[in-house]
């Protein structure tokens, strides 16, 4: 009931304002469990996908979405709680991963749709990054639920990082055919199988989205980008300091030359007077 009310009050205006286009809705089963595995470009992904589906989809959401202060934070928390999203503290290491898997299995066992972002975090630059094998593959193999690849298109352009007001434009959603991993049944603890399943899903997402694929984790890419930005900032700071030092040396040399010139002129004057 709350889900329906929240979808009507937020999802309806969202669809009206942005008019997202959708391909492959027929691949979402009318009933029964399934796992929706999507790329992750923007904070708004968790709004647009549920808005275009007739069925409820439950995503794992990072705990910060439920604890962020301010008006936007309270609205976000209210939305996620209202639509039944599950908070997971990603700072908890292996324990957090186990909690995510357990939450996903509970959703599937209820015969519902479980949504997950295999990359584990938003793409830092619009490219598709390596999927993490823990949550998606383990839930799929343990439950036997089909995995439906989903591609979000252009959602990162609606509200880029640092922008307060969203840009009115049409994002897209492509939904692929369900993937069956029954051949790996009972092998959810085999890390090679988990890797193979995850890579197969990521390949399908790549085909749907048209994104460039990068074979590293998005979290590692974010660290690399942050380190590079820090290095650039440090280099700029050092260059600015070097410029100031050079300018100071030039000024000191000019003043020294002026003093020597004044001394020569004074000496010439004294010789002329004598």
Foldseek 3Di string as FASTA:
>chain_A
DLQVVLLVVQLVVVCVQQVAAEADLVQDDPWFEAEEEEAAADPCPVRHVCSPHPFQEEEEDEQQCLVPDDPNSPVSNSSNVSSVYHYFHPVPPPVSLVVLQVVLLVQNVVGGYYYYHQLNDHAPPQAGEQGDLRRPLLNCQARQHWYKYKYKAPPCQQAPPPRDHGDRYHIYMYIHHTDGPPVCHPVSVPVVVSRVVRVVSSVVRCVRHVGHYDYDRSVVVVVVVVVVVVVVVVVVVVVVVVVVVVVVVVVVVVVVVVVVVVVVVVVVVVVVVD
